[in-house]
PDB file of N, CA and C in Angstrom:
ATOM      1  N   MET A   1      79.182 147.072  50.224  1.00  0.00           N
ATOM      2  CA  MET A   1      77.776 146.745  49.837  1.00  0.00           C
ATOM      3  C   MET A   1      76.627 147.391  50.791  1.00  0.00           C
ATOM      4  N   LEU A   2      75.512 148.230  49.886  1.00  0.00           N
ATOM      5  CA  LEU A   2      74.539 148.258  50.929  1.00  0.00           C
ATOM      6  C   LEU A   2      73.671 146.906  51.161  1.00  0.00           C
ATOM      7  N   ASN A   3      72.635 147.240  52.506  1.00  0.00           N
ATOM      8  CA  ASN A   3      72.072 146.088  52.673  1.00  0.00           C
ATOM      9  C   ASN A   3      70.769 146.485  52.138  1.00  0.00           C
ATOM     10  N   ARG A   4      69.783 145.408  52.299  1.00  0.00           N
ATOM     11  CA  ARG A   4      68.431 145.644  51.477  1.00  0.00           C
ATOM     12  C   ARG A   4      67.792 146.734  52.113  1.00  0.00           C
ATOM     13  N   TYR A   5      67.722 147.015  53.315  1.00  0.00           N
ATOM     14  CA  TYR A   5      67.257 148.031  53.683  1.00  0.00           C
ATOM     15  C   TYR A   5      67.731 149.308  53.395  1.00  0.00           C
ATOM     16  N   GLU A   6      68.854 149.556  53.338  1.00  0.00           N
ATOM     17  CA  GLU A   6      69.400 150.595  52.780  1.00  0.00           C
ATOM     18  C   GLU A   6      68.961 150.899  51.221  1.00  0.00           C
ATOM     19  N   ILE A   7      69.136 149.898  50.335  1.00  0.00           N
ATOM     20  CA  ILE A   7      68.555 150.105  49.408  1.00  0.00           C
ATOM     21  C   ILE A   7      67.421 150.616  48.950  1.00  0.00           C
ATOM     22  N   THR A   8      66.405 150.167  49.752  1.00  0.00           N
ATOM     23  CA  THR A   8      65.206 150.213  49.526  1.00  0.00           C
ATOM     24  C   THR A   8      64.775 152.021  49.976  1.00  0.00           C
ATOM     25  N   THR A   9      65.358 152.197  51.262  1.00  0.00           N
ATOM     26  CA  THR A   9      65.243 153.884  51.610  1.00  0.00           C
ATOM     27  C   THR A   9      65.783 154.455  50.756  1.00  0.00           C
ATOM     28  N   THR A  10      66.831 154.367  50.026  1.00  0.00           N
ATOM     29  CA  THR A  10      67.777 155.082  49.344  1.00  0.00           C
ATOM     30  C   THR A  10      66.686 155.107  47.871  1.00  0.00           C
ATOM     31  N   ALA A  11      66.129 153.869  47.486  1.00  0.00           N
ATOM     32  CA  ALA A  11      65.360 153.946  46.245  1.00  0.00           C
ATOM     33  C   ALA A  11      64.020 154.870  46.623  1.00  0.00           C
ATOM     34  N   GLN A  12      63.687 154.614  48.004  1.00  0.00           N
ATOM     35  CA  GLN A  12      62.406 155.574  48.131  1.00  0.00           C
ATOM     36  C   GLN A  12      62.267 157.111  48.009  1.00  0.00           C
ATOM     37  N   LEU A  13      63.670 157.256  49.029  1.00  0.00           N
ATOM     38  CA  LEU A  13      63.972 158.745  48.788  1.00  0.00           C
ATOM     39  C   LEU A  13      64.249 159.444  47.468  1.00  0.00           C
ATOM     40  N   TYR A  14      65.104 158.745  46.602  1.00  0.00           N
ATOM     41  CA  TYR A  14      65.283 158.951  45.091  1.00  0.00           C
ATOM     42  C   TYR A  14      63.799 159.070  44.455  1.00  0.00           C
ATOM     43  N   SER A  15      63.030 158.297  44.540  1.00  0.00           N
ATOM     44  CA  SER A  15      61.447 158.536  43.885  1.00  0.00           C
ATOM     45  C   SER A  15      60.966 159.566  44.456  1.00  0.00           C
ATOM     46  N   ASN A  16      60.795 159.542  45.582  1.00  0.00           N
ATOM     47  CA  ASN A  16      60.119 160.869  46.410  1.00  0.00           C
ATOM     48  C   ASN A  16      60.872 162.099  46.106  1.00  0.00           C
ATOM     49  N   THR A  17      61.987 162.358  45.165  1.00  0.00           N
ATOM     50  CA  THR A  17      62.517 163.551  45.161  1.00  0.00           C
ATOM     51  C   THR A  17      62.276 163.880  43.768  1.00  0.00           C
ATOM     52  N   GLU A  18      62.292 162.523  43.072  1.00  0.00           N
ATOM     53  CA  GLU A  18      62.230 162.952  41.453  1.00  0.00           C
ATOM     54  C   GLU A  18      60.479 163.128  41.495  1.00  0.00           C
ATOM     55  N   PHE A  19      59.554 162.678  42.360  1.00  0.00           N
ATOM     56  CA  PHE A  19      58.356 163.433  42.380  1.00  0.00           C
ATOM     57  C   PHE A  19      58.061 164.559  42.357  1.00  0.00           C
ATOM     58  N   ILE A  20      58.897 165.343  43.688  1.00  0.00           N
ATOM     59  CA  ILE A  20      58.745 166.689  44.232  1.00  0.00           C
ATOM     60  C   ILE A  20      59.153 167.401  43.033  1.00  0.00           C
ATOM     61  N   LEU A  21      60.288 167.187  42.390  1.00  0.00           N
ATOM     62  CA  LEU A  21      60.922 167.983  41.403  1.00  0.00           C
ATOM     63  C   LEU A  21      60.194 167.821  40.329  1.00  0.00           C
ATOM     64  N   TYR A  22      59.385 166.540  39.826  1.00  0.00           N
ATOM     65  CA  TYR A  22      58.500 166.657  38.779  1.00  0.00           C
ATOM     66  C   TYR A  22      57.522 167.568  38.943  1.00  0.00           C
ATOM     67  N   HIS A  23      56.975 167.882  39.960  1.00  0.00           N
ATOM     68  CA  HIS A  23      55.964 168.467  40.187  1.00  0.00           C
ATOM     69  C   HIS A  23      56.294 169.897  40.471  1.00  0.00           C
ATOM     70  N   LEU A  24      57.242 170.350  40.713  1.00  0.00           N
ATOM     71  CA  LEU A  24      57.889 171.550  40.863  1.00  0.00           C
ATOM     72  C   LEU A  24      58.335 171.991  39.399  1.00  0.00           C
ATOM     73  N   ARG A  25      58.762 171.142  38.539  1.00  0.00           N
ATOM     74  CA  ARG A  25      58.727 171.606  37.557  1.00  0.00           C
ATOM     75  C   ARG A  25      57.912 172.083  36.718  1.00  0.00           C
ATOM     76  N   ALA A  26      56.778 171.181  36.803  1.00  0.00           N
ATOM     77  CA  ALA A  26      55.525 171.208  36.010  1.00  0.00           C
ATOM     78  C   ALA A  26      54.882 172.584  36.501  1.00  0.00           C
ATOM     79  N   LYS A  27      54.842 172.962  37.712  1.00  0.00           N
ATOM     80  CA  LYS A  27      54.141 174.291  38.473  1.00  0.00           C
ATOM     81  C   LYS A  27      55.192 175.164  37.852  1.00  0.00           C
ATOM     82  N   ILE A  28      56.249 175.119  37.627  1.00  0.00           N
ATOM     83  CA  ILE A  28      57.240 176.386  37.407  1.00  0.00           C
ATOM     84  C   ILE A  28      57.367 176.776  35.755  1.00  0.00           C
ATOM     85  N   ASN A  29      57.271 175.584  35.266  1.00  0.00           N
ATOM     86  CA  ASN A  29      57.478 175.701  33.505  1.00  0.00           C
ATOM     87  C   ASN A  29      55.914 175.826  33.142  1.00  0.00           C
ATOM     88  N   LEU A  30      54.772 175.301  33.754  1.00  0.00           N
ATOM     89  CA  LEU A  30      53.471 175.954  32.904  1.00  0.00           C
ATOM     90  C   LEU A  30      53.103 177.201  32.788  1.00  0.00           C
ATOM     91  N   PRO A  31      53.508 178.185  33.827  1.00  0.00           N
ATOM     92  CA  PRO A  31      53.257 179.635  33.759  1.00  0.00           C
ATOM     93  C   PRO A  31      54.136 180.222  32.793  1.00  0.00           C
ATOM     94  N   ILE A  32      55.467 179.701  32.987  1.00  0.00           N
ATOM     95  CA  ILE A  32      56.491 180.402  31.938  1.00  0.00           C
ATOM     96  C   ILE A  32      56.079 180.068  30.632  1.00  0.00           C
ATOM     97  N   TYR A  33      55.735 178.700  30.103  1.00  0.00           N
ATOM     98  CA  TYR A  33      55.397 178.445  29.062  1.00  0.00           C
ATOM     99  C   TYR A  33      53.842 179.038  28.574  1.00  0.00           C
ATOM    100  N   ALA A  34      53.160 179.259  29.357  1.00  0.00           N
ATOM    101  CA  ALA A  34      51.879 180.337  29.056  1.00  0.00           C
ATOM    102  C   ALA A  34      52.274 181.433  28.619  1.00  0.00           C
ATOM    103  N   ASN A  35      52.864 182.071  29.428  1.00  0.00           N
ATOM    104  CA  ASN A  35      53.553 183.303  29.119  1.00  0.00           C
ATOM    105  C   ASN A  35      54.348 183.441  27.754  1.00  0.00           C
ATOM    106  N   LEU A  36      55.007 182.703  27.672  1.00  0.00           N
ATOM    107  CA  LEU A  36      55.706 182.481  26.379  1.00  0.00           C
ATOM    108  C   LEU A  36      54.963 182.505  24.973  1.00  0.00           C
ATOM    109  N   ARG A  37      54.138 181.528  25.377  1.00  0.00           N
ATOM    110  CA  ARG A  37      52.985 181.496  24.045  1.00  0.00           C
ATOM    111  C   ARG A  37      52.106 182.846  23.901  1.00  0.00           C
ATOM    112  N   ALA A  38      51.856 183.557  25.036  1.00  0.00           N
ATOM    113  CA  ALA A  38      51.047 184.741  25.313  1.00  0.00           C
ATOM    114  C   ALA A  38      51.835 185.805  24.414  1.00  0.00           C
ATOM    115  N   SER A  39      53.000 185.703  25.082  1.00  0.00           N
ATOM    116  CA  SER A  39      54.118 187.268  24.256  1.00  0.00           C
ATOM    117  C   SER A  39      53.896 186.536  22.812  1.00  0.00           C
ATOM    118  N   LYS A  40      54.286 185.243  22.336  1.00  0.00           N
ATOM    119  CA  LYS A  40      54.453 185.213  20.818  1.00  0.00           C
ATOM    120  C   LYS A  40      52.969 185.589  20.100  1.00  0.00           C
ATOM    121  N   LEU A  41      52.134 185.180  20.538  1.00  0.00           N
ATOM    122  CA  LEU A  41      50.830 185.493  19.933  1.00  0.00           C
ATOM    123  C   LEU A  41      50.655 187.105  20.246  1.00  0.00           C
ATOM    124  N   ARG A  42      51.142 187.880  21.073  1.00  0.00           N
ATOM    125  CA  ARG A  42      50.917 189.057  21.000  1.00  0.00           C
ATOM    126  C   ARG A  42      52.035 189.891  19.963  1.00  0.00           C
ATOM    127  N   ASP A  43      53.388 189.074  19.708  1.00  0.00           N
ATOM    128  CA  ASP A  43      54.101 189.675  18.969  1.00  0.00           C
ATOM    129  C   ASP A  43      53.650 189.662  17.475  1.00  0.00           C
ATOM    130  N   MET A  44      52.948 188.376  17.153  1.00  0.00           N
ATOM    131  CA  MET A  44      52.178 188.232  15.984  1.00  0.00           C
ATOM    132  C   MET A  44      50.898 189.394  15.661  1.00  0.00           C
ATOM    133  N   LEU A  45      50.340 189.588  16.595  1.00  0.00           N
ATOM    134  CA  LEU A  45      49.039 190.341  16.542  1.00  0.00           C
ATOM    135  C   LEU A  45      49.389 191.693  16.195  1.00  0.00           C
ATOM    136  N   TYR A  46      50.248 192.418  17.157  1.00  0.00           N
ATOM    137  CA  TYR A  46      50.815 193.634  16.935  1.00  0.00           C
ATOM    138  C   TYR A  46      52.078 193.858  16.329  1.00  0.00           C
TER     139      TYR A  46
END
């Protein structure tokens, strides 16, 4: 069994990692998504 201290630190580590990953994913995905939309528009126009 994990003691309470280990549980809280594990939970904190997990939530921090989730938080960081979420922001990284947002930073990476937004430009890619914008580029995809721009290229789709370009394909439709030309």
